[in-house]
C-alpha atoms as a PDB file:
ATOM      1  CA  MET A   1      41.809  43.543  17.230  1.00  0.00           C
ATOM      2  CA  SER A   2      42.510  43.291  13.497  1.00  0.00           C
ATOM      3  CA  VAL A   3      40.235  44.969  10.955  1.00  0.00           C
ATOM      4  CA  ARG A   4      39.149  41.517   9.717  1.00  0.00           C
ATOM      5  CA  ASN A   5      38.244  40.273  13.181  1.00  0.00           C
ATOM      6  CA  PHE A   6      36.488  43.521  14.017  1.00  0.00           C
ATOM      7  CA  ALA A   7      34.376  43.242  10.851  1.00  0.00           C
ATOM      8  CA  TYR A   8      33.546  39.635  11.671  1.00  0.00           C
ATOM      9  CA  ALA A   9      32.516  40.572  15.220  1.00  0.00           C
ATOM     10  CA  ILE A  10      30.211  43.322  13.935  1.00  0.00           C
ATOM     11  CA  ILE A  11      28.543  41.002  11.430  1.00  0.00           C
ATOM     12  CA  THR A  12      28.057  38.282  14.026  1.00  0.00           C
ATOM     13  CA  THR A  13      26.431  40.780  16.389  1.00  0.00           C
ATOM     14  CA  LEU A  14      24.073  42.036  13.692  1.00  0.00           C
ATOM     15  CA  VAL A  15      23.171  38.508  12.635  1.00  0.00           C
ATOM     16  CA  THR A  16      22.433  37.324  16.154  1.00  0.00           C
ATOM     17  CA  SER A  17      20.315  40.342  17.028  1.00  0.00           C
ATOM     18  CA  SER A  18      18.315  40.516  13.801  1.00  0.00           C
ATOM     19  CA  GLY A  19      17.760  36.818  13.132  1.00  0.00           C
ATOM     20  CA  ILE A  20      18.224  37.471   9.400  1.00  0.00           C
ATOM     21  CA  PHE A  21      21.516  36.232   8.073  1.00  0.00           C
ATOM     22  CA  ALA A  22      23.394  38.593   5.801  1.00  0.00           C
ATOM     23  CA  GLU A  23      25.269  36.748   3.081  1.00  0.00           C
ATOM     24  CA  PRO A  24      28.770  36.193   4.475  1.00  0.00           C
ATOM     25  CA  LYS A  25      31.856  36.898   2.414  1.00  0.00           C
ATOM     26  CA  ASP A  26      34.637  34.344   2.235  1.00  0.00           C
ATOM     27  CA  ALA A  27      37.205  37.012   3.103  1.00  0.00           C
ATOM     28  CA  ILE A  28      35.659  37.782   6.489  1.00  0.00           C
ATOM     29  CA  GLY A  29      37.158  35.483   9.074  1.00  0.00           C
ATOM     30  CA  ASN A  30      38.126  33.004   6.340  1.00  0.00           C
ATOM     31  CA  LYS A  31      34.641  31.475   6.490  1.00  0.00           C
ATOM     32  CA  THR A  32      32.987  29.716   3.554  1.00  0.00           C
ATOM     33  CA  VAL A  33      29.305  29.099   2.890  1.00  0.00           C
ATOM     34  CA  VAL A  34      28.107  25.528   2.360  1.00  0.00           C
ATOM     35  CA  LEU A  35      24.741  24.101   1.338  1.00  0.00           C
ATOM     36  CA  TRP A  36      25.718  20.704  -0.076  1.00  0.00           C
ATOM     37  CA  ARG A  37      28.732  18.447   0.134  1.00  0.00           C
ATOM     38  CA  ASN A  38      29.510  15.446  -2.043  1.00  0.00           C
ATOM     39  CA  PRO A  39      28.112  12.505  -0.043  1.00  0.00           C
ATOM     40  CA  GLY A  40      30.672  10.100  -1.474  1.00  0.00           C
ATOM     41  CA  ALA A  41      29.586   6.490  -1.086  1.00  0.00           C
ATOM     42  CA  ILE A  42      25.842   7.044  -0.722  1.00  0.00           C
ATOM     43  CA  GLU A  43      25.342   3.293  -0.732  1.00  0.00           C
ATOM     44  CA  SER A  44      27.154   2.985   2.599  1.00  0.00           C
ATOM     45  CA  ARG A  45      25.235   5.685   4.475  1.00  0.00           C
ATOM     46  CA  ASN A  46      23.256   4.442   7.454  1.00  0.00           C
ATOM     47  CA  LEU A  47      19.752   5.851   7.131  1.00  0.00           C
ATOM     48  CA  TYR A  48      18.534   4.211  10.297  1.00  0.00           C
ATOM     49  CA  TYR A  49      20.714   6.344  12.565  1.00  0.00           C
ATOM     50  CA  GLY A  50      21.105   9.274  10.163  1.00  0.00           C
ATOM     51  CA  PRO A  51      23.694  12.078  10.302  1.00  0.00           C
ATOM     52  CA  GLY A  52      24.331  11.685  14.034  1.00  0.00           C
ATOM     53  CA  GLY A  53      25.002   7.980  13.801  1.00  0.00           C
ATOM     54  CA  LYS A  54      24.499   5.470  16.576  1.00  0.00           C
ATOM     55  CA  ALA A  55      27.103   7.239  18.736  1.00  0.00           C
ATOM     56  CA  HIS A  56      24.910  10.324  19.155  1.00  0.00           C
ATOM     57  CA  GLU A  57      21.678   8.425  19.758  1.00  0.00           C
ATOM     58  CA  PRO A  58      19.870   9.920  22.793  1.00  0.00           C
ATOM     59  CA  ARG A  59      20.109   7.779  25.907  1.00  0.00           C
ATOM     60  CA  GLY A  60      20.061   7.969  29.687  1.00  0.00           C
ATOM     61  CA  LYS A  61      18.003  10.292  31.867  1.00  0.00           C
ATOM     62  CA  PHE A  62      16.505  13.547  30.612  1.00  0.00           C
ATOM     63  CA  VAL A  63      15.686  16.683  32.593  1.00  0.00           C
ATOM     64  CA  PHE A  64      13.301  19.416  31.496  1.00  0.00           C
ATOM     65  CA  VAL A  65      14.984  22.749  30.686  1.00  0.00           C
ATOM     66  CA  LYS A  66      12.384  25.010  29.082  1.00  0.00           C
ATOM     67  CA  GLU A  67       9.437  25.142  26.727  1.00  0.00           C
ATOM     68  CA  ASP A  68      10.001  26.305  23.142  1.00  0.00           C
ATOM     69  CA  LEU A  69       7.107  28.355  21.743  1.00  0.00           C
ATOM     70  CA  ASP A  70       8.509  28.874  18.229  1.00  0.00           C
ATOM     71  CA  GLY A  71       6.633  27.405  15.270  1.00  0.00           C
ATOM     72  CA  THR A  72       3.294  25.646  15.393  1.00  0.00           C
ATOM     73  CA  ASN A  73       4.147  22.245  16.881  1.00  0.00           C
ATOM     74  CA  PRO A  74       4.587  21.835  20.655  1.00  0.00           C
ATOM     75  CA  LYS A  75       8.258  21.618  21.657  1.00  0.00           C
ATOM     76  CA  PHE A  76      10.441  21.754  24.718  1.00  0.00           C
ATOM     77  CA  VAL A  77      14.131  21.408  25.541  1.00  0.00           C
ATOM     78  CA  VAL A  78      15.693  18.710  27.733  1.00  0.00           C
ATOM     79  CA  ARG A  79      19.226  18.001  28.927  1.00  0.00           C
ATOM     80  CA  ASP A  80      20.713  14.501  29.118  1.00  0.00           C
ATOM     81  CA  GLU A  81      23.240  12.987  31.512  1.00  0.00           C
ATOM     82  CA  GLU A  82      26.142  14.150  29.346  1.00  0.00           C
ATOM     83  CA  ASP A  83      24.914  17.769  29.458  1.00  0.00           C
ATOM     84  CA  VAL A  84      23.732  17.653  25.836  1.00  0.00           C
ATOM     85  CA  LYS A  85      20.591  19.623  25.048  1.00  0.00           C
ATOM     86  CA  TRP A  86      17.855  18.122  22.902  1.00  0.00           C
ATOM     87  CA  LYS A  87      14.803  19.817  21.424  1.00  0.00           C
ATOM     88  CA  VAL A  88      11.789  17.541  21.780  1.00  0.00           C
ATOM     89  CA  LYS A  89       9.064  17.932  19.152  1.00  0.00           C
ATOM     90  CA  MET A  90       5.658  16.395  19.827  1.00  0.00           C
ATOM     91  CA  GLY A  91       2.736  15.922  17.471  1.00  0.00           C
ATOM     92  CA  ASN A  92       2.340  14.751  13.893  1.00  0.00           C
ATOM     93  CA  GLU A  93       5.621  16.199  12.588  1.00  0.00           C
ATOM     94  CA  ALA A  94       7.869  13.952  14.675  1.00  0.00           C
ATOM     95  CA  ARG A  95       7.828  10.921  12.383  1.00  0.00           C
ATOM     96  CA  PRO A  96       7.968  12.593   8.924  1.00  0.00           C
ATOM     97  CA  GLU A  97      10.740  14.950  10.035  1.00  0.00           C
ATOM     98  CA  THR A  98      12.862  12.032  11.194  1.00  0.00           C
ATOM     99  CA  VAL A  99      12.578  10.437   7.751  1.00  0.00           C
ATOM    100  CA  ALA A 100      13.038  13.661   5.799  1.00  0.00           C
ATOM    101  CA  SER A 101      16.270  14.534   7.585  1.00  0.00           C
ATOM    102  CA  ARG A 102      17.740  11.173   6.585  1.00  0.00           C
ATOM    103  CA  ILE A 103      16.748  11.395   2.925  1.00  0.00           C
ATOM    104  CA  ALA A 104      18.168  14.912   2.536  1.00  0.00           C
ATOM    105  CA  TRP A 105      21.357  14.001   4.397  1.00  0.00           C
ATOM    106  CA  ALA A 106      21.851  10.850   2.318  1.00  0.00           C
ATOM    107  CA  VAL A 107      22.337  12.898  -0.857  1.00  0.00           C
ATOM    108  CA  GLY A 108      24.641  15.522   0.628  1.00  0.00           C
ATOM    109  CA  TYR A 109      22.540  18.187   2.334  1.00  0.00           C
ATOM    110  CA  TYR A 110      23.079  19.344   5.876  1.00  0.00           C
ATOM    111  CA  THR A 111      20.353  18.369   8.294  1.00  0.00           C
ATOM    112  CA  ASN A 112      19.826  18.221  12.020  1.00  0.00           C
ATOM    113  CA  GLU A 113      20.673  15.123  14.034  1.00  0.00           C
ATOM    114  CA  ASP A 114      17.125  13.860  14.545  1.00  0.00           C
ATOM    115  CA  TYR A 115      16.041  10.742  16.393  1.00  0.00           C
ATOM    116  CA  PHE A 116      12.573   9.341  16.941  1.00  0.00           C
ATOM    117  CA  VAL A 117      11.821   8.078  20.451  1.00  0.00           C
ATOM    118  CA  PRO A 118       8.655   5.999  21.067  1.00  0.00           C
ATOM    119  CA  GLU A 119       8.562   6.926  24.751  1.00  0.00           C
ATOM    120  CA  LEU A 120      10.591   9.561  26.563  1.00  0.00           C
ATOM    121  CA  ARG A 121      10.537  10.009  30.314  1.00  0.00           C
ATOM    122  CA  VAL A 122      11.443  13.504  31.456  1.00  0.00           C
ATOM    123  CA  GLN A 123      12.271  14.562  34.988  1.00  0.00           C
ATOM    124  CA  GLY A 124      11.084  17.927  36.239  1.00  0.00           C
ATOM    125  CA  MET A 125       8.259  18.404  33.754  1.00  0.00           C
ATOM    126  CA  PRO A 126       6.182  21.470  34.713  1.00  0.00           C
ATOM    127  CA  ALA A 127       2.620  21.005  35.860  1.00  0.00           C
ATOM    128  CA  HIS A 128       1.378  22.662  32.704  1.00  0.00           C
ATOM    129  CA  LEU A 129       2.802  23.309  29.232  1.00  0.00           C
ATOM    130  CA  HIS A 130       1.468  26.115  27.070  1.00  0.00           C
ATOM    131  CA  ARG A 131       1.178  23.668  24.165  1.00  0.00           C
ATOM    132  CA  GLY A 132       0.895  19.902  23.973  1.00  0.00           C
ATOM    133  CA  GLN A 133      -0.100  19.276  27.575  1.00  0.00           C
ATOM    134  CA  LYS A 134      -2.530  16.556  26.534  1.00  0.00           C
ATOM    135  CA  LEU A 135       0.415  14.652  25.035  1.00  0.00           C
ATOM    136  CA  VAL A 136       2.224  14.447  28.383  1.00  0.00           C
ATOM    137  CA  GLY A 137       1.572  11.571  30.764  1.00  0.00           C
ATOM    138  CA  ARG A 138       1.118  11.981  34.496  1.00  0.00           C
ATOM    139  CA  ASP A 139       4.563  10.561  35.079  1.00  0.00           C
ATOM    140  CA  GLY A 140       6.171  13.140  32.771  1.00  0.00           C
ATOM    141  CA  SER A 141       6.448  10.765  29.825  1.00  0.00           C
ATOM    142  CA  VAL A 142       5.768  11.721  26.219  1.00  0.00           C
ATOM    143  CA  ARG A 143       5.253   9.311  23.362  1.00  0.00           C
ATOM    144  CA  ASN A 144       6.290   9.358  19.709  1.00  0.00           C
ATOM    145  CA  VAL A 145       8.586  12.377  19.769  1.00  0.00           C
ATOM    146  CA  ARG A 146      11.495  13.631  17.725  1.00  0.00           C
ATOM    147  CA  LEU A 147      14.690  14.671  19.517  1.00  0.00           C
ATOM    148  CA  LYS A 148      16.998  17.141  17.777  1.00  0.00           C
ATOM    149  CA  ARG A 149      20.519  17.505  19.095  1.00  0.00           C
ATOM    150  CA  GLU A 150      21.148  21.142  20.101  1.00  0.00           C
ATOM    151  CA  GLU A 151      24.871  21.805  19.945  1.00  0.00           C
ATOM    152  CA  VAL A 152      25.522  24.217  17.087  1.00  0.00           C
ATOM    153  CA  LYS A 153      24.443  27.832  17.462  1.00  0.00           C
ATOM    154  CA  LYS A 154      21.892  29.087  14.951  1.00  0.00           C
ATOM    155  CA  LEU A 155      22.903  32.472  13.540  1.00  0.00           C
ATOM    156  CA  GLY A 156      19.767  33.299  11.590  1.00  0.00           C
ATOM    157  CA  THR A 157      17.758  32.353   8.533  1.00  0.00           C
ATOM    158  CA  TRP A 158      18.331  32.421   4.777  1.00  0.00           C
ATOM    159  CA  GLU A 159      15.997  33.184   1.871  1.00  0.00           C
ATOM    160  CA  TRP A 160      15.217  30.876  -1.018  1.00  0.00           C
ATOM    161  CA  ARG A 161      15.286  33.734  -3.540  1.00  0.00           C
ATOM    162  CA  SER A 162      18.421  35.522  -2.417  1.00  0.00           C
ATOM    163  CA  SER A 163      20.791  32.999  -0.853  1.00  0.00           C
ATOM    164  CA  PRO A 164      24.435  32.788  -1.992  1.00  0.00           C
ATOM    165  CA  PHE A 165      23.416  29.617  -3.856  1.00  0.00           C
ATOM    166  CA  ALA A 166      20.759  31.126  -6.136  1.00  0.00           C
ATOM    167  CA  ASN A 167      20.652  29.431  -9.560  1.00  0.00           C
ATOM    168  CA  THR A 168      23.169  26.769  -8.562  1.00  0.00           C
ATOM    169  CA  ARG A 169      22.808  23.049  -9.129  1.00  0.00           C
ATOM    170  CA  GLU A 170      23.008  22.500  -5.371  1.00  0.00           C
ATOM    171  CA  LEU A 171      20.034  24.737  -4.573  1.00  0.00           C
ATOM    172  CA  ASN A 172      18.040  23.328  -7.492  1.00  0.00           C
ATOM    173  CA  GLY A 173      18.752  19.836  -6.191  1.00  0.00           C
ATOM    174  CA  LEU A 174      17.412  20.861  -2.802  1.00  0.00           C
ATOM    175  CA  ARG A 175      14.223  22.087  -4.486  1.00  0.00           C
ATOM    176  CA  VAL A 176      13.884  18.627  -6.038  1.00  0.00           C
ATOM    177  CA  VAL A 177      14.323  16.886  -2.674  1.00  0.00           C
ATOM    178  CA  MET A 178      11.662  19.112  -1.082  1.00  0.00           C
ATOM    179  CA  ALA A 179       9.229  18.154  -3.863  1.00  0.00           C
ATOM    180  CA  LEU A 180      10.166  14.487  -3.542  1.00  0.00           C
ATOM    181  CA  ILE A 181       9.182  14.386   0.126  1.00  0.00           C
ATOM    182  CA  ASN A 182       6.239  16.811  -0.288  1.00  0.00           C
ATOM    183  CA  ASN A 183       7.658  19.390   2.098  1.00  0.00           C
ATOM    184  CA  TRP A 184       5.237  22.233   1.468  1.00  0.00           C
ATOM    185  CA  ASP A 185       6.176  24.445   4.426  1.00  0.00           C
ATOM    186  CA  LEU A 186       9.057  26.230   2.699  1.00  0.00           C
ATOM    187  CA  LYS A 187       8.878  29.581   4.434  1.00  0.00           C
ATOM    188  CA  ASP A 188      12.246  31.319   4.754  1.00  0.00           C
ATOM    189  CA  GLU A 189      11.921  31.200   8.533  1.00  0.00           C
ATOM    190  CA  ASN A 190      12.223  27.394   8.296  1.00  0.00           C
ATOM    191  CA  ASN A 191      15.734  27.764   6.890  1.00  0.00           C
ATOM    192  CA  ALA A 192      18.731  28.133   9.200  1.00  0.00           C
ATOM    193  CA  VAL A 193      22.364  29.182   9.059  1.00  0.00           C
ATOM    194  CA  TYR A 194      24.766  27.579  11.520  1.00  0.00           C
ATOM    195  CA  HIS A 195      28.392  28.338  12.304  1.00  0.00           C
ATOM    196  CA  GLU A 196      30.513  25.195  12.241  1.00  0.00           C
ATOM    197  CA  GLY A 197      34.290  25.563  12.337  1.00  0.00           C
ATOM    198  CA  ASN A 198      35.325  27.683   9.376  1.00  0.00           C
ATOM    199  CA  GLU A 199      32.005  27.336   7.578  1.00  0.00           C
ATOM    200  CA  TYR A 200      28.558  28.850   7.509  1.00  0.00           C
ATOM    201  CA  VAL A 201      26.251  25.902   6.966  1.00  0.00           C
ATOM    202  CA  TYR A 202      22.910  26.488   5.233  1.00  0.00           C
ATOM    203  CA  GLU A 203      20.089  24.012   5.732  1.00  0.00           C
ATOM    204  CA  VAL A 204      16.335  23.564   5.787  1.00  0.00           C
ATOM    205  CA  SER A 205      15.973  23.210   9.534  1.00  0.00           C
ATOM    206  CA  ASP A 206      12.271  22.342   9.722  1.00  0.00           C
ATOM    207  CA  LEU A 207      11.266  19.343   7.613  1.00  0.00           C
ATOM    208  CA  GLY A 208       8.185  18.310   9.556  1.00  0.00           C
ATOM    209  CA  ALA A 209       5.566  19.178   6.931  1.00  0.00           C
ATOM    210  CA  SER A 210       6.560  16.214   4.745  1.00  0.00           C
ATOM    211  CA  PHE A 211       5.187  12.922   3.395  1.00  0.00           C
ATOM    212  CA  GLY A 212       1.587  14.099   3.287  1.00  0.00           C
ATOM    213  CA  SER A 213      -0.264  16.414   0.939  1.00  0.00           C
ATOM    214  CA  ALA A 214       1.484  18.883  -1.369  1.00  0.00           C
ATOM    215  CA  SER A 215       0.158  21.871   0.574  1.00  0.00           C
ATOM    216  CA  ARG A 216      -1.487  22.935   3.780  1.00  0.00           C
ATOM    217  CA  THR A 217      -4.794  21.126   3.544  1.00  0.00           C
ATOM    218  CA  TRP A 218      -7.810  20.116   5.587  1.00  0.00           C
ATOM    219  CA  PRO A 219      -7.927  18.174   7.772  1.00  0.00           C
ATOM    220  CA  LYS A 220      -4.497  19.129   9.068  1.00  0.00           C
ATOM    221  CA  SER A 221      -3.683  15.501   9.834  1.00  0.00           C
ATOM    222  CA  ALA A 222      -3.640  14.765   6.091  1.00  0.00           C
ATOM    223  CA  SER A 223      -0.891  17.265   5.370  1.00  0.00           C
ATOM    224  CA  LYS A 224       1.970  15.584   7.255  1.00  0.00           C
ATOM    225  CA  GLY A 225       2.993  11.950   7.444  1.00  0.00           C
ATOM    226  CA  ASP A 226      -0.164  10.668   5.762  1.00  0.00           C
ATOM    227  CA  ILE A 227       0.237   7.786   3.309  1.00  0.00           C
ATOM    228  CA  THR A 228      -3.051   8.357   1.469  1.00  0.00           C
ATOM    229  CA  SER A 229      -2.339  12.037   0.894  1.00  0.00           C
ATOM    230  CA  TYR A 230       1.239  11.358  -0.154  1.00  0.00           C
ATOM    231  CA  GLU A 231       0.192   8.723  -2.658  1.00  0.00           C
ATOM    232  CA  LYS A 232      -2.671  10.769  -4.131  1.00  0.00           C
ATOM    233  CA  SER A 233      -0.631  13.939  -4.532  1.00  0.00           C
ATOM    234  CA  LYS A 234       0.870  14.597  -7.947  1.00  0.00           C
ATOM    235  CA  PHE A 235       4.643  14.768  -8.145  1.00  0.00           C
ATOM    236  CA  LEU A 236       5.549  16.061 -11.607  1.00  0.00           C
ATOM    237  CA  GLY A 237       3.914  18.953 -13.382  1.00  0.00           C
ATOM    238  CA  LYS A 238       5.068  20.403 -16.691  1.00  0.00           C
ATOM    239  CA  VAL A 239       8.180  18.826 -18.171  1.00  0.00           C
ATOM    240  CA  THR A 240       9.994  20.442 -21.104  1.00  0.00           C
ATOM    241  CA  ASP A 241      13.304  19.777 -22.814  1.00  0.00           C
ATOM    242  CA  ASN A 242      14.966  22.237 -20.450  1.00  0.00           C
ATOM    243  CA  SER A 243      12.988  22.317 -17.226  1.00  0.00           C
ATOM    244  CA  VAL A 244      10.822  20.382 -14.805  1.00  0.00           C
ATOM    245  CA  SER A 245       8.032  21.751 -12.624  1.00  0.00           C
ATOM    246  CA  PHE A 246       6.900  19.942  -9.502  1.00  0.00           C
ATOM    247  CA  ARG A 247       3.520  20.093  -7.768  1.00  0.00           C
ATOM    248  CA  THR A 248       5.026  20.837  -4.341  1.00  0.00           C
ATOM    249  CA  PRO A 249       4.673  23.304  -2.763  1.00  0.00           C
ATOM    250  CA  ALA A 250       1.106  23.859  -3.931  1.00  0.00           C
ATOM    251  CA  ARG A 251      -1.290  26.579  -2.856  1.00  0.00           C
ATOM    252  CA  PRO A 252      -3.164  25.809   0.376  1.00  0.00           C
ATOM    253  CA  SER A 253      -6.735  24.586   0.539  1.00  0.00           C
ATOM    254  CA  PHE A 254      -9.166  27.427  -0.036  1.00  0.00           C
ATOM    255  CA  ILE A 255     -10.507  27.039   3.491  1.00  0.00           C
ATOM    256  CA  TYR A 256      -7.371  28.859   4.673  1.00  0.00           C
ATOM    257  CA  ILE A 257      -8.477  32.041   2.921  1.00  0.00           C
ATOM    258  CA  VAL A 258      -9.861  32.962   6.349  1.00  0.00           C
ATOM    259  CA  ASN A 259      -6.248  33.993   7.004  1.00  0.00           C
ATOM    260  CA  PRO A 260      -5.554  35.989   3.804  1.00  0.00           C
ATOM    261  CA  LYS A 261      -2.002  36.975   4.776  1.00  0.00           C
ATOM    262  CA  GLU A 262      -0.864  33.379   5.210  1.00  0.00           C
ATOM    263  CA  TYR A 263      -2.891  32.110   2.259  1.00  0.00           C
ATOM    264  CA  PHE A 264      -1.310  34.505  -0.243  1.00  0.00           C
ATOM    265  CA  GLN A 265       2.113  34.153   1.348  1.00  0.00           C
ATOM    266  CA  ARG A 266       1.979  30.422   0.672  1.00  0.00           C
ATOM    267  CA  MET A 267       0.765  30.995  -2.881  1.00  0.00           C
ATOM    268  CA  HIS A 268       4.011  32.860  -3.492  1.00  0.00           C
ATOM    269  CA  LEU A 269       6.005  29.774  -2.478  1.00  0.00           C
ATOM    270  CA  GLU A 270       4.855  27.789  -5.518  1.00  0.00           C
ATOM    271  CA  TRP A 271       7.791  29.052  -7.585  1.00  0.00           C
ATOM    272  CA  ILE A 272      10.203  26.963  -5.493  1.00  0.00           C
ATOM    273  CA  GLY A 273       8.936  23.815  -7.195  1.00  0.00           C
ATOM    274  CA  ARG A 274       8.657  25.269 -10.679  1.00  0.00           C
ATOM    275  CA  ASP A 275      11.046  25.495 -13.627  1.00  0.00           C
ATOM    276  CA  VAL A 276      13.902  23.510 -12.145  1.00  0.00           C
ATOM    277  CA  PRO A 277      16.561  22.932 -14.832  1.00  0.00           C
ATOM    278  CA  ARG A 278      16.029  19.439 -16.137  1.00  0.00           C
ATOM    279  CA  ALA A 279      19.734  18.618 -15.927  1.00  0.00           C
ATOM    280  CA  ASP A 280      19.776  19.533 -12.235  1.00  0.00           C
ATOM    281  CA  ALA A 281      16.662  17.467 -11.513  1.00  0.00           C
ATOM    282  CA  ARG A 282      18.246  14.534 -13.333  1.00  0.00           C
ATOM    283  CA  TRP A 283      21.470  14.979 -11.349  1.00  0.00           C
ATOM    284  CA  MET A 284      19.591  14.785  -8.069  1.00  0.00           C
ATOM    285  CA  GLY A 285      17.538  11.844  -9.315  1.00  0.00           C
ATOM    286  CA  ARG A 286      20.703   9.894 -10.043  1.00  0.00           C
ATOM    287  CA  LEU A 287      22.051  10.583  -6.552  1.00  0.00           C
ATOM    288  CA  LEU A 288      18.787   9.431  -5.008  1.00  0.00           C
ATOM    289  CA  GLY A 289      18.760   6.430  -7.320  1.00  0.00           C
ATOM    290  CA  ARG A 290      21.885   5.116  -5.604  1.00  0.00           C
ATOM    291  CA  LEU A 291      19.932   4.506  -2.407  1.00  0.00           C
ATOM    292  CA  SER A 292      19.070   0.856  -1.902  1.00  0.00           C
ATOM    293  CA  PRO A 293      15.553  -0.326  -1.055  1.00  0.00           C
ATOM    294  CA  ASN A 294      16.800  -1.273   2.401  1.00  0.00           C
ATOM    295  CA  GLN A 295      18.297   2.177   3.030  1.00  0.00           C
ATOM    296  CA  ILE A 296      15.021   3.847   2.103  1.00  0.00           C
ATOM    297  CA  ARG A 297      13.068   1.525   4.354  1.00  0.00           C
ATOM    298  CA  ASP A 298      15.538   2.089   7.181  1.00  0.00           C
ATOM    299  CA  ALA A 299      14.712   5.803   7.097  1.00  0.00           C
ATOM    300  CA  PHE A 300      11.044   5.013   7.734  1.00  0.00           C
ATOM    301  CA  ARG A 301      11.847   2.339  10.303  1.00  0.00           C
ATOM    302  CA  ALA A 302      13.888   4.927  12.193  1.00  0.00           C
ATOM    303  CA  ALA A 303      10.716   6.997  12.551  1.00  0.00           C
ATOM    304  CA  GLY A 304       8.818   4.208  14.237  1.00  0.00           C
ATOM    305  CA  TYR A 305       6.413   3.451  11.405  1.00  0.00           C
ATOM    306  CA  PRO A 306       4.949  -0.081  11.491  1.00  0.00           C
ATOM    307  CA  PRO A 307       6.109  -2.467   8.733  1.00  0.00           C
ATOM    308  CA  SER A 308       3.039  -2.009   6.510  1.00  0.00           C
ATOM    309  CA  GLN A 309       3.459   1.777   6.512  1.00  0.00           C
ATOM    310  CA  VAL A 310       7.206   1.514   5.999  1.00  0.00           C
ATOM    311  CA  GLU A 311       6.582  -0.464   2.827  1.00  0.00           C
ATOM    312  CA  ALA A 312       3.803   1.846   1.605  1.00  0.00           C
ATOM    313  CA  PHE A 313       5.803   5.052   2.086  1.00  0.00           C
ATOM    314  CA  ALA A 314       8.989   3.538   0.660  1.00  0.00           C
ATOM    315  CA  SER A 315       7.228   2.288  -2.463  1.00  0.00           C
ATOM    316  CA  ILE A 316       5.826   5.750  -3.218  1.00  0.00           C
ATOM    317  CA  LEU A 317       9.217   7.352  -2.695  1.00  0.00           C
ATOM    318  CA  GLU A 318      10.901   4.796  -4.960  1.00  0.00           C
ATOM    319  CA  ARG A 319       8.406   5.444  -7.764  1.00  0.00           C
ATOM    320  CA  ARG A 320       9.134   9.139  -7.552  1.00  0.00           C
ATOM    321  CA  ILE A 321      12.874   8.558  -7.667  1.00  0.00           C
ATOM    322  CA  GLU A 322      12.398   6.443 -10.807  1.00  0.00           C
ATOM    323  CA  LEU A 323      10.596   9.353 -12.465  1.00  0.00           C
ATOM    324  CA  LEU A 324      13.555  11.588 -11.686  1.00  0.00           C
ATOM    325  CA  THR A 325      16.149   9.146 -12.983  1.00  0.00           C
ATOM    326  CA  ASP A 326      14.162   8.793 -16.232  1.00  0.00           C
ATOM    327  CA  LEU A 327      14.241  12.528 -16.985  1.00  0.00           C
END
């Protein structure tokens, strides 16, 4: 084994065992790190089917594989007829995550292949799930779920403060997109690094806490996929000649002080939305501004929102994009 391959093997072992991704070097295994790629003709991107396209849309029969106890939302893994694994997310994150993945992907960021399914029938469901049992029908069916295609191996996580992309236009643009969609759950553990070909791909892998309030709030239902909360929340904060501060992520509602560790941890996330270089915010605004009204509405239609909610969400998003393009 060559010295290069040996070094790469050691790093891969450490990454997989620790779950924390060390910044890879281009020289090791000829791999490069990627956060954003020029989306090209944004106007032609299909936001109904998203990054996976119609070809990867889940179909056929699904068989239960295992329950996934990571995170806070109930999830489990299924396998389809073509031996593809899908992670099924239940609860109030399913719809907003489906939309968020399409918006981020449209402007060049890597996202999961997410699909919303109004009703999913699963063979071999266990008699009892640890979480979300009340969402499962007697016949093993679940309603209003998000399916994420599970093909690429996750190596670990990356940190907002110390990624290889710190202080770059690409990372600053991602900060803008997170504020645009009100994704307040920006913990490092919600970021993932995947190995695809000769690249290490960096992405925000959990986008479910979007299109609601600007922070963890009470009641919990108002913090994700809630039109009233999304509309009432403030988008822009302080704007100077050189920088823009956004109101997302904001500190959580004071009721969460009952868990001091989490409360103060989330307070320390506020910096992600603050002091974004104005030129970078404007750059991202112009990319977003190339999306047509129909593309934006397709993203919400893909998540199963009824027409009135599609229009309400899309109108709010469009107003925010206009503010960015006017910077």
